[in-house]
Amino acid sequence: MSEILRKHILFYGHVQGVGFRYHAKYGADMLGLSGWVRNLYNGSVEMEVQGREEDIDKLIVLLQQGKYIDITDMKVKNKALENDISFRIR
């Protein structure tokens, strides 16, 4: 079994007003991930997600396949684990 990790991700592109946060919540819940997602004032979306790396990767693929979502860039940093028990929209 892979180790659990936490990633902070900034998504850029056409990521607001397209159901991105709800798509992220649905995918995270389906994959058993915890963390949060929120829109930022500059038009990007910020997410912290915690779980197995392969499940986090699956979530990102799911988001990239969103019908109206167009991710043009991502900035990813590893973070310390937190005690989240669910994934929420902020």
PDB file of N, CA and C in Angstrom:
ATOM      1  N   MET A   1       0.847  -1.190   0.000  1.00  0.00           N
ATOM      2  CA  MET A   1       0.000   0.000   0.000  1.00  0.00           C
ATOM      3  C   MET A   1       0.886   1.244   0.000  1.00  0.00           C
ATOM      4  N   SER A   2       0.520   2.230  -0.815  1.00  0.00           N
ATOM      5  CA  SER A   2       1.343   3.438  -0.878  1.00  0.00           C
ATOM      6  C   SER A   2       1.117   4.340   0.315  1.00  0.00           C
ATOM      7  N   GLU A   3       2.097   5.199   0.498  1.00  0.00           N
ATOM      8  CA  GLU A   3       2.003   6.114   1.630  1.00  0.00           C
ATOM      9  C   GLU A   3       0.991   7.217   1.349  1.00  0.00           C
ATOM     10  N   ILE A   4       0.478   7.763   2.432  1.00  0.00           N
ATOM     11  CA  ILE A   4      -0.468   8.867   2.347  1.00  0.00           C
ATOM     12  C   ILE A   4       0.335  10.161   2.301  1.00  0.00           C
ATOM     13  N   LEU A   5      -0.068  11.061   1.384  1.00  0.00           N
ATOM     14  CA  LEU A   5       0.585  12.358   1.325  1.00  0.00           C
ATOM     15  C   LEU A   5      -0.449  13.440   1.082  1.00  0.00           C
ATOM     16  N   ARG A   6      -0.013  14.677   1.215  1.00  0.00           N
ATOM     17  CA  ARG A   6      -0.884  15.836   1.030  1.00  0.00           C
ATOM     18  C   ARG A   6      -0.235  16.760   0.017  1.00  0.00           C
ATOM     19  N   LYS A   7      -1.043  17.226  -0.920  1.00  0.00           N
ATOM     20  CA  LYS A   7      -0.533  18.135  -1.945  1.00  0.00           C
ATOM     21  C   LYS A   7      -1.355  19.420  -1.966  1.00  0.00           C
ATOM     22  N   HIS A   8      -0.654  20.520  -2.143  1.00  0.00           N
ATOM     23  CA  HIS A   8      -1.273  21.825  -2.369  1.00  0.00           C
ATOM     24  C   HIS A   8      -1.134  22.088  -3.864  1.00  0.00           C
ATOM     25  N   ILE A   9      -2.260  22.323  -4.543  1.00  0.00           N
ATOM     26  CA  ILE A   9      -2.246  22.489  -5.993  1.00  0.00           C
ATOM     27  C   ILE A   9      -2.990  23.765  -6.370  1.00  0.00           C
ATOM     28  N   LEU A  10      -2.354  24.565  -7.224  1.00  0.00           N
ATOM     29  CA  LEU A  10      -3.011  25.713  -7.836  1.00  0.00           C
ATOM     30  C   LEU A  10      -3.281  25.360  -9.289  1.00  0.00           C
ATOM     31  N   PHE A  11      -4.527  25.508  -9.706  1.00  0.00           N
ATOM     32  CA  PHE A  11      -4.936  25.212 -11.075  1.00  0.00           C
ATOM     33  C   PHE A  11      -5.185  26.526 -11.808  1.00  0.00           C
ATOM     34  N   TYR A  12      -4.642  26.631 -13.019  1.00  0.00           N
ATOM     35  CA  TYR A  12      -4.815  27.812 -13.844  1.00  0.00           C
ATOM     36  C   TYR A  12      -5.476  27.415 -15.159  1.00  0.00           C
ATOM     37  N   GLY A  13      -6.154  28.363 -15.778  1.00  0.00           N
ATOM     38  CA  GLY A  13      -6.842  28.130 -17.039  1.00  0.00           C
ATOM     39  C   GLY A  13      -8.304  28.491 -16.891  1.00  0.00           C
ATOM     40  N   HIS A  14      -9.155  27.806 -17.632  1.00  0.00           N
ATOM     41  CA  HIS A  14     -10.615  28.012 -17.529  1.00  0.00           C
ATOM     42  C   HIS A  14     -11.110  27.057 -16.443  1.00  0.00           C
ATOM     43  N   VAL A  15     -10.993  27.509 -15.184  1.00  0.00           N
ATOM     44  CA  VAL A  15     -11.274  26.627 -14.053  1.00  0.00           C
ATOM     45  C   VAL A  15     -12.332  27.179 -13.093  1.00  0.00           C
ATOM     46  N   GLN A  16     -12.843  28.374 -13.375  1.00  0.00           N
ATOM     47  CA  GLN A  16     -13.926  28.909 -12.549  1.00  0.00           C
ATOM     48  C   GLN A  16     -15.180  29.045 -13.401  1.00  0.00           C
ATOM     49  N   GLY A  17     -16.333  28.822 -12.768  1.00  0.00           N
ATOM     50  CA  GLY A  17     -17.601  28.922 -13.481  1.00  0.00           C
ATOM     51  C   GLY A  17     -17.885  27.721 -14.371  1.00  0.00           C
ATOM     52  N   VAL A  18     -17.170  26.625 -14.146  1.00  0.00           N
ATOM     53  CA  VAL A  18     -17.329  25.435 -14.992  1.00  0.00           C
ATOM     54  C   VAL A  18     -17.603  24.180 -14.165  1.00  0.00           C
ATOM     55  N   GLY A  19     -17.934  24.338 -12.883  1.00  0.00           N
ATOM     56  CA  GLY A  19     -18.216  23.198 -12.020  1.00  0.00           C
ATOM     57  C   GLY A  19     -16.970  22.508 -11.487  1.00  0.00           C
ATOM     58  N   PHE A  20     -15.830  23.183 -11.551  1.00  0.00           N
ATOM     59  CA  PHE A  20     -14.563  22.587 -11.139  1.00  0.00           C
ATOM     60  C   PHE A  20     -14.603  22.104  -9.692  1.00  0.00           C
ATOM     61  N   ARG A  21     -15.052  22.969  -8.767  1.00  0.00           N
ATOM     62  CA  ARG A  21     -15.041  22.597  -7.346  1.00  0.00           C
ATOM     63  C   ARG A  21     -15.972  21.424  -7.064  1.00  0.00           C
ATOM     64  N   TYR A  22     -17.125  21.371  -7.727  1.00  0.00           N
ATOM     65  CA  TYR A  22     -18.066  20.280  -7.504  1.00  0.00           C
ATOM     66  C   TYR A  22     -17.551  18.985  -8.139  1.00  0.00           C
ATOM     67  N   HIS A  23     -16.890  19.114  -9.265  1.00  0.00           N
ATOM     68  CA  HIS A  23     -16.250  17.966  -9.913  1.00  0.00           C
ATOM     69  C   HIS A  23     -15.150  17.415  -8.987  1.00  0.00           C
ATOM     70  N   ALA A  24     -14.376  18.332  -8.387  1.00  0.00           N
ATOM     71  CA  ALA A  24     -13.304  17.927  -7.461  1.00  0.00           C
ATOM     72  C   ALA A  24     -13.891  17.222  -6.242  1.00  0.00           C
ATOM     73  N   LYS A  25     -14.963  17.752  -5.690  1.00  0.00           N
ATOM     74  CA  LYS A  25     -15.601  17.153  -4.510  1.00  0.00           C
ATOM     75  C   LYS A  25     -16.121  15.757  -4.832  1.00  0.00           C
ATOM     76  N   TYR A  26     -16.794  15.628  -5.953  1.00  0.00           N
ATOM     77  CA  TYR A  26     -17.331  14.330  -6.361  1.00  0.00           C
ATOM     78  C   TYR A  26     -16.199  13.320  -6.529  1.00  0.00           C
ATOM     79  N   GLY A  27     -15.145  13.709  -7.246  1.00  0.00           N
ATOM     80  CA  GLY A  27     -14.026  12.803  -7.486  1.00  0.00           C
ATOM     81  C   GLY A  27     -13.298  12.429  -6.212  1.00  0.00           C
ATOM     82  N   ALA A  28     -13.062  13.422  -5.353  1.00  0.00           N
ATOM     83  CA  ALA A  28     -12.361  13.162  -4.087  1.00  0.00           C
ATOM     84  C   ALA A  28     -13.168  12.215  -3.214  1.00  0.00           C
ATOM     85  N   ASP A  29     -14.482  12.437  -3.143  1.00  0.00           N
ATOM     86  CA  ASP A  29     -15.337  11.551  -2.348  1.00  0.00           C
ATOM     87  C   ASP A  29     -15.305  10.132  -2.909  1.00  0.00           C
ATOM     88  N   MET A  30     -15.361  10.011  -4.232  1.00  0.00           N
ATOM     89  CA  MET A  30     -15.360   8.715  -4.883  1.00  0.00           C
ATOM     90  C   MET A  30     -14.037   7.972  -4.630  1.00  0.00           C
ATOM     91  N   LEU A  31     -12.925   8.721  -4.555  1.00  0.00           N
ATOM     92  CA  LEU A  31     -11.607   8.123  -4.377  1.00  0.00           C
ATOM     93  C   LEU A  31     -11.162   8.036  -2.918  1.00  0.00           C
ATOM     94  N   GLY A  32     -11.990   8.512  -1.988  1.00  0.00           N
ATOM     95  CA  GLY A  32     -11.654   8.450  -0.570  1.00  0.00           C
ATOM     96  C   GLY A  32     -10.584   9.442  -0.149  1.00  0.00           C
ATOM     97  N   LEU A  33     -10.514  10.592  -0.837  1.00  0.00           N
ATOM     98  CA  LEU A  33      -9.530  11.621  -0.515  1.00  0.00           C
ATOM     99  C   LEU A  33     -10.123  12.651   0.434  1.00  0.00           C
ATOM    100  N   SER A  34      -9.269  13.339   1.168  1.00  0.00           N
ATOM    101  CA  SER A  34      -9.730  14.423   2.036  1.00  0.00           C
ATOM    102  C   SER A  34      -9.031  15.712   1.632  1.00  0.00           C
ATOM    103  N   GLY A  35      -9.519  16.828   2.175  1.00  0.00           N
ATOM    104  CA  GLY A  35      -8.921  18.130   1.889  1.00  0.00           C
ATOM    105  C   GLY A  35      -9.981  19.157   1.575  1.00  0.00           C
ATOM    106  N   TRP A  36      -9.639  20.089   0.689  1.00  0.00           N
ATOM    107  CA  TRP A  36     -10.563  21.169   0.350  1.00  0.00           C
ATOM    108  C   TRP A  36     -10.196  21.784  -1.002  1.00  0.00           C
ATOM    109  N   VAL A  37     -11.144  22.552  -1.547  1.00  0.00           N
ATOM    110  CA  VAL A  37     -10.943  23.262  -2.810  1.00  0.00           C
ATOM    111  C   VAL A  37     -11.671  24.604  -2.711  1.00  0.00           C
ATOM    112  N   ARG A  38     -11.080  25.648  -3.339  1.00  0.00           N
ATOM    113  CA  ARG A  38     -11.740  26.964  -3.333  1.00  0.00           C
ATOM    114  C   ARG A  38     -11.274  27.783  -4.531  1.00  0.00           C
ATOM    115  N   ASN A  39     -12.154  28.712  -4.950  1.00  0.00           N
ATOM    116  CA  ASN A  39     -11.819  29.669  -5.996  1.00  0.00           C
ATOM    117  C   ASN A  39     -10.967  30.774  -5.395  1.00  0.00           C
ATOM    118  N   LEU A  40     -10.058  31.319  -6.192  1.00  0.00           N
ATOM    119  CA  LEU A  40      -9.254  32.466  -5.790  1.00  0.00           C
ATOM    120  C   LEU A  40      -9.651  33.679  -6.635  1.00  0.00           C
ATOM    121  N   TYR A  41      -9.380  34.864  -6.113  1.00  0.00           N
ATOM    122  CA  TYR A  41      -9.796  36.095  -6.788  1.00  0.00           C
ATOM    123  C   TYR A  41      -9.135  36.297  -8.146  1.00  0.00           C
ATOM    124  N   ASN A  42      -7.987  35.682  -8.371  1.00  0.00           N
ATOM    125  CA  ASN A  42      -7.279  35.876  -9.643  1.00  0.00           C
ATOM    126  C   ASN A  42      -7.780  34.942 -10.745  1.00  0.00           C
ATOM    127  N   GLY A  43      -8.840  34.168 -10.477  1.00  0.00           N
ATOM    128  CA  GLY A  43      -9.410  33.276 -11.485  1.00  0.00           C
ATOM    129  C   GLY A  43      -8.886  31.853 -11.432  1.00  0.00           C
ATOM    130  N   SER A  44      -7.936  31.592 -10.548  1.00  0.00           N
ATOM    131  CA  SER A  44      -7.412  30.234 -10.398  1.00  0.00           C
ATOM    132  C   SER A  44      -8.189  29.499  -9.313  1.00  0.00           C
ATOM    133  N   VAL A  45      -7.898  28.216  -9.158  1.00  0.00           N
ATOM    134  CA  VAL A  45      -8.524  27.401  -8.116  1.00  0.00           C
ATOM    135  C   VAL A  45      -7.415  26.784  -7.277  1.00  0.00           C
ATOM    136  N   GLU A  46      -7.594  26.827  -5.962  1.00  0.00           N
ATOM    137  CA  GLU A  46      -6.627  26.284  -5.007  1.00  0.00           C
ATOM    138  C   GLU A  46      -7.211  25.029  -4.373  1.00  0.00           C
ATOM    139  N   MET A  47      -6.381  24.000  -4.247  1.00  0.00           N
ATOM    140  CA  MET A  47      -6.846  22.755  -3.652  1.00  0.00           C
ATOM    141  C   MET A  47      -5.739  22.162  -2.788  1.00  0.00           C
ATOM    142  N   GLU A  48      -6.133  21.634  -1.634  1.00  0.00           N
ATOM    143  CA  GLU A  48      -5.265  20.763  -0.854  1.00  0.00           C
ATOM    144  C   GLU A  48      -5.964  19.425  -0.805  1.00  0.00           C
ATOM    145  N   VAL A  49      -5.222  18.385  -1.139  1.00  0.00           N
ATOM    146  CA  VAL A  49      -5.822  17.058  -1.215  1.00  0.00           C
ATOM    147  C   VAL A  49      -4.881  16.060  -0.562  1.00  0.00           C
ATOM    148  N   GLN A  50      -5.463  15.139   0.182  1.00  0.00           N
ATOM    149  CA  GLN A  50      -4.684  14.169   0.948  1.00  0.00           C
ATOM    150  C   GLN A  50      -5.175  12.766   0.667  1.00  0.00           C
ATOM    151  N   GLY A  51      -4.226  11.860   0.450  1.00  0.00           N
ATOM    152  CA  GLY A  51      -4.551  10.465   0.196  1.00  0.00           C
ATOM    153  C   GLY A  51      -3.380   9.779  -0.469  1.00  0.00           C
ATOM    154  N   ARG A  52      -3.650   8.625  -1.058  1.00  0.00           N
ATOM    155  CA  ARG A  52      -2.598   7.895  -1.774  1.00  0.00           C
ATOM    156  C   ARG A  52      -2.271   8.646  -3.065  1.00  0.00           C
ATOM    157  N   GLU A  53      -0.987   8.677  -3.411  1.00  0.00           N
ATOM    158  CA  GLU A  53      -0.568   9.448  -4.586  1.00  0.00           C
ATOM    159  C   GLU A  53      -1.299   9.021  -5.852  1.00  0.00           C
ATOM    160  N   GLU A  54      -1.495   7.719  -6.037  1.00  0.00           N
ATOM    161  CA  GLU A  54      -2.172   7.277  -7.253  1.00  0.00           C
ATOM    162  C   GLU A  54      -3.620   7.754  -7.292  1.00  0.00           C
ATOM    163  N   ASP A  55      -4.270   7.890  -6.131  1.00  0.00           N
ATOM    164  CA  ASP A  55      -5.640   8.398  -6.102  1.00  0.00           C
ATOM    165  C   ASP A  55      -5.677   9.904  -6.376  1.00  0.00           C
ATOM    166  N   ILE A  56      -4.693  10.629  -5.878  1.00  0.00           N
ATOM    167  CA  ILE A  56      -4.596  12.061  -6.190  1.00  0.00           C
ATOM    168  C   ILE A  56      -4.386  12.240  -7.693  1.00  0.00           C
ATOM    169  N   ASP A  57      -3.532  11.415  -8.283  1.00  0.00           N
ATOM    170  CA  ASP A  57      -3.304  11.474  -9.728  1.00  0.00           C
ATOM    171  C   ASP A  57      -4.594  11.176 -10.491  1.00  0.00           C
ATOM    172  N   LYS A  58      -5.373  10.204 -10.016  1.00  0.00           N
ATOM    173  CA  LYS A  58      -6.654   9.878 -10.661  1.00  0.00           C
ATOM    174  C   LYS A  58      -7.607  11.069 -10.595  1.00  0.00           C
ATOM    175  N   LEU A  59      -7.615  11.781  -9.466  1.00  0.00           N
ATOM    176  CA  LEU A  59      -8.474  12.959  -9.320  1.00  0.00           C
ATOM    177  C   LEU A  59      -8.076  14.019 -10.342  1.00  0.00           C
ATOM    178  N   ILE A  60      -6.789  14.243 -10.517  1.00  0.00           N
ATOM    179  CA  ILE A  60      -6.340  15.251 -11.482  1.00  0.00           C
ATOM    180  C   ILE A  60      -6.735  14.859 -12.905  1.00  0.00           C
ATOM    181  N   VAL A  61      -6.603  13.591 -13.241  1.00  0.00           N
ATOM    182  CA  VAL A  61      -7.026  13.121 -14.569  1.00  0.00           C
ATOM    183  C   VAL A  61      -8.528  13.344 -14.741  1.00  0.00           C
ATOM    184  N   LEU A  62      -9.308  13.028 -13.717  1.00  0.00           N
ATOM    185  CA  LEU A  62     -10.755  13.238 -13.763  1.00  0.00           C
ATOM    186  C   LEU A  62     -11.077  14.711 -14.018  1.00  0.00           C
ATOM    187  N   LEU A  63     -10.373  15.604 -13.323  1.00  0.00           N
ATOM    188  CA  LEU A  63     -10.612  17.033 -13.509  1.00  0.00           C
ATOM    189  C   LEU A  63     -10.249  17.472 -14.926  1.00  0.00           C
ATOM    190  N   GLN A  64      -9.169  16.952 -15.465  1.00  0.00           N
ATOM    191  CA  GLN A  64      -8.744  17.320 -16.818  1.00  0.00           C
ATOM    192  C   GLN A  64      -9.727  16.826 -17.873  1.00  0.00           C
ATOM    193  N   GLN A  65     -10.521  15.836 -17.538  1.00  0.00           N
ATOM    194  CA  GLN A  65     -11.498  15.299 -18.476  1.00  0.00           C
ATOM    195  C   GLN A  65     -12.845  16.000 -18.385  1.00  0.00           C
ATOM    196  N   GLY A  66     -12.967  16.981 -17.469  1.00  0.00           N
ATOM    197  CA  GLY A  66     -14.220  17.725 -17.330  1.00  0.00           C
ATOM    198  C   GLY A  66     -14.584  18.423 -18.631  1.00  0.00           C
ATOM    199  N   LYS A  67     -15.841  18.375 -18.992  1.00  0.00           N
ATOM    200  CA  LYS A  67     -16.300  18.872 -20.294  1.00  0.00           C
ATOM    201  C   LYS A  67     -15.930  20.332 -20.539  1.00  0.00           C
ATOM    202  N   TYR A  68     -16.077  21.198 -19.542  1.00  0.00           N
ATOM    203  CA  TYR A  68     -15.831  22.624 -19.728  1.00  0.00           C
ATOM    204  C   TYR A  68     -14.546  23.094 -19.041  1.00  0.00           C
ATOM    205  N   ILE A  69     -13.905  22.217 -18.306  1.00  0.00           N
ATOM    206  CA  ILE A  69     -12.682  22.567 -17.583  1.00  0.00           C
ATOM    207  C   ILE A  69     -11.501  22.520 -18.548  1.00  0.00           C
ATOM    208  N   ASP A  70     -10.665  23.571 -18.509  1.00  0.00           N
ATOM    209  CA  ASP A  70      -9.461  23.618 -19.331  1.00  0.00           C
ATOM    210  C   ASP A  70      -8.289  24.053 -18.450  1.00  0.00           C
ATOM    211  N   ILE A  71      -7.569  23.082 -17.903  1.00  0.00           N
ATOM    212  CA  ILE A  71      -6.414  23.357 -17.054  1.00  0.00           C
ATOM    213  C   ILE A  71      -5.212  23.614 -17.957  1.00  0.00           C
ATOM    214  N   THR A  72      -4.641  24.820 -17.862  1.00  0.00           N
ATOM    215  CA  THR A  72      -3.483  25.157 -18.687  1.00  0.00           C
ATOM    216  C   THR A  72      -2.174  25.055 -17.915  1.00  0.00           C
ATOM    217  N   ASP A  73      -2.244  25.091 -16.584  1.00  0.00           N
ATOM    218  CA  ASP A  73      -1.031  24.996 -15.767  1.00  0.00           C
ATOM    219  C   ASP A  73      -1.427  24.585 -14.351  1.00  0.00           C
ATOM    220  N   MET A  74      -0.490  23.931 -13.662  1.00  0.00           N
ATOM    221  CA  MET A  74      -0.683  23.553 -12.267  1.00  0.00           C
ATOM    222  C   MET A  74       0.625  23.795 -11.528  1.00  0.00           C
ATOM    223  N   LYS A  75       0.531  24.312 -10.316  1.00  0.00           N
ATOM    224  CA  LYS A  75       1.675  24.436  -9.421  1.00  0.00           C
ATOM    225  C   LYS A  75       1.402  23.504  -8.248  1.00  0.00           C
ATOM    226  N   VAL A  76       2.307  22.550  -8.004  1.00  0.00           N
ATOM    227  CA  VAL A  76       2.085  21.517  -6.986  1.00  0.00           C
ATOM    228  C   VAL A  76       3.206  21.552  -5.958  1.00  0.00           C
ATOM    229  N   LYS A  77       2.816  21.527  -4.677  1.00  0.00           N
ATOM    230  CA  LYS A  77       3.781  21.439  -3.577  1.00  0.00           C
ATOM    231  C   LYS A  77       3.313  20.364  -2.607  1.00  0.00           C
ATOM    232  N   ASN A  78       4.247  19.634  -2.036  1.00  0.00           N
ATOM    233  CA  ASN A  78       3.911  18.691  -0.969  1.00  0.00           C
ATOM    234  C   ASN A  78       3.735  19.458   0.328  1.00  0.00           C
ATOM    235  N   LYS A  79       2.826  18.994   1.163  1.00  0.00           N
ATOM    236  CA  LYS A  79       2.521  19.623   2.449  1.00  0.00           C
ATOM    237  C   LYS A  79       2.536  18.565   3.545  1.00  0.00           C
ATOM    238  N   ALA A  80       2.556  19.045   4.789  1.00  0.00           N
ATOM    239  CA  ALA A  80       2.449  18.140   5.935  1.00  0.00           C
ATOM    240  C   ALA A  80       1.027  17.585   6.004  1.00  0.00           C
ATOM    241  N   LEU A  81       0.904  16.349   6.464  1.00  0.00           N
ATOM    242  CA  LEU A  81      -0.413  15.723   6.605  1.00  0.00           C
ATOM    243  C   LEU A  81      -1.246  16.475   7.632  1.00  0.00           C
ATOM    244  N   GLU A  82      -2.559  16.469   7.420  1.00  0.00           N
ATOM    245  CA  GLU A  82      -3.505  17.063   8.367  1.00  0.00           C
ATOM    246  C   GLU A  82      -4.542  16.013   8.735  1.00  0.00           C
ATOM    247  N   ASN A  83      -5.392  16.340   9.691  1.00  0.00           N
ATOM    248  CA  ASN A  83      -6.397  15.384  10.186  1.00  0.00           C
ATOM    249  C   ASN A  83      -7.759  15.577   9.538  1.00  0.00           C
ATOM    250  N   ASP A  84      -7.780  15.850   8.240  1.00  0.00           N
ATOM    251  CA  ASP A  84      -9.065  15.968   7.531  1.00  0.00           C
ATOM    252  C   ASP A  84      -9.772  14.622   7.536  1.00  0.00           C
ATOM    253  N   ILE A  85     -11.089  14.670   7.594  1.00  0.00           N
ATOM    254  CA  ILE A  85     -11.837  13.428   7.490  1.00  0.00           C
ATOM    255  C   ILE A  85     -12.732  13.409   6.245  1.00  0.00           C
ATOM    256  N   SER A  86     -12.789  14.534   5.538  1.00  0.00           N
ATOM    257  CA  SER A  86     -13.619  14.603   4.332  1.00  0.00           C
ATOM    258  C   SER A  86     -13.008  15.627   3.375  1.00  0.00           C
ATOM    259  N   PHE A  87     -13.636  15.774   2.223  1.00  0.00           N
ATOM    260  CA  PHE A  87     -13.223  16.767   1.247  1.00  0.00           C
ATOM    261  C   PHE A  87     -14.334  17.806   1.175  1.00  0.00           C
ATOM    262  N   ARG A  88     -13.996  19.057   1.247  1.00  0.00           N
ATOM    263  CA  ARG A  88     -15.038  20.089   1.268  1.00  0.00           C
ATOM    264  C   ARG A  88     -14.739  21.233   0.305  1.00  0.00           C
ATOM    265  N   ILE A  89     -15.805  21.905  -0.079  1.00  0.00           N
ATOM    266  CA  ILE A  89     -15.701  23.107  -0.910  1.00  0.00           C
ATOM    267  C   ILE A  89     -15.698  24.282   0.043  1.00  0.00           C
ATOM    268  N   ARG A  90     -14.716  25.146  -0.122  1.00  0.00           N
ATOM    269  CA  ARG A  90     -14.646  26.350   0.733  1.00  0.00           C
ATOM    270  C   ARG A  90     -15.230  27.532   0.008  1.00  0.00           C
TER     271      ARG A  90
END
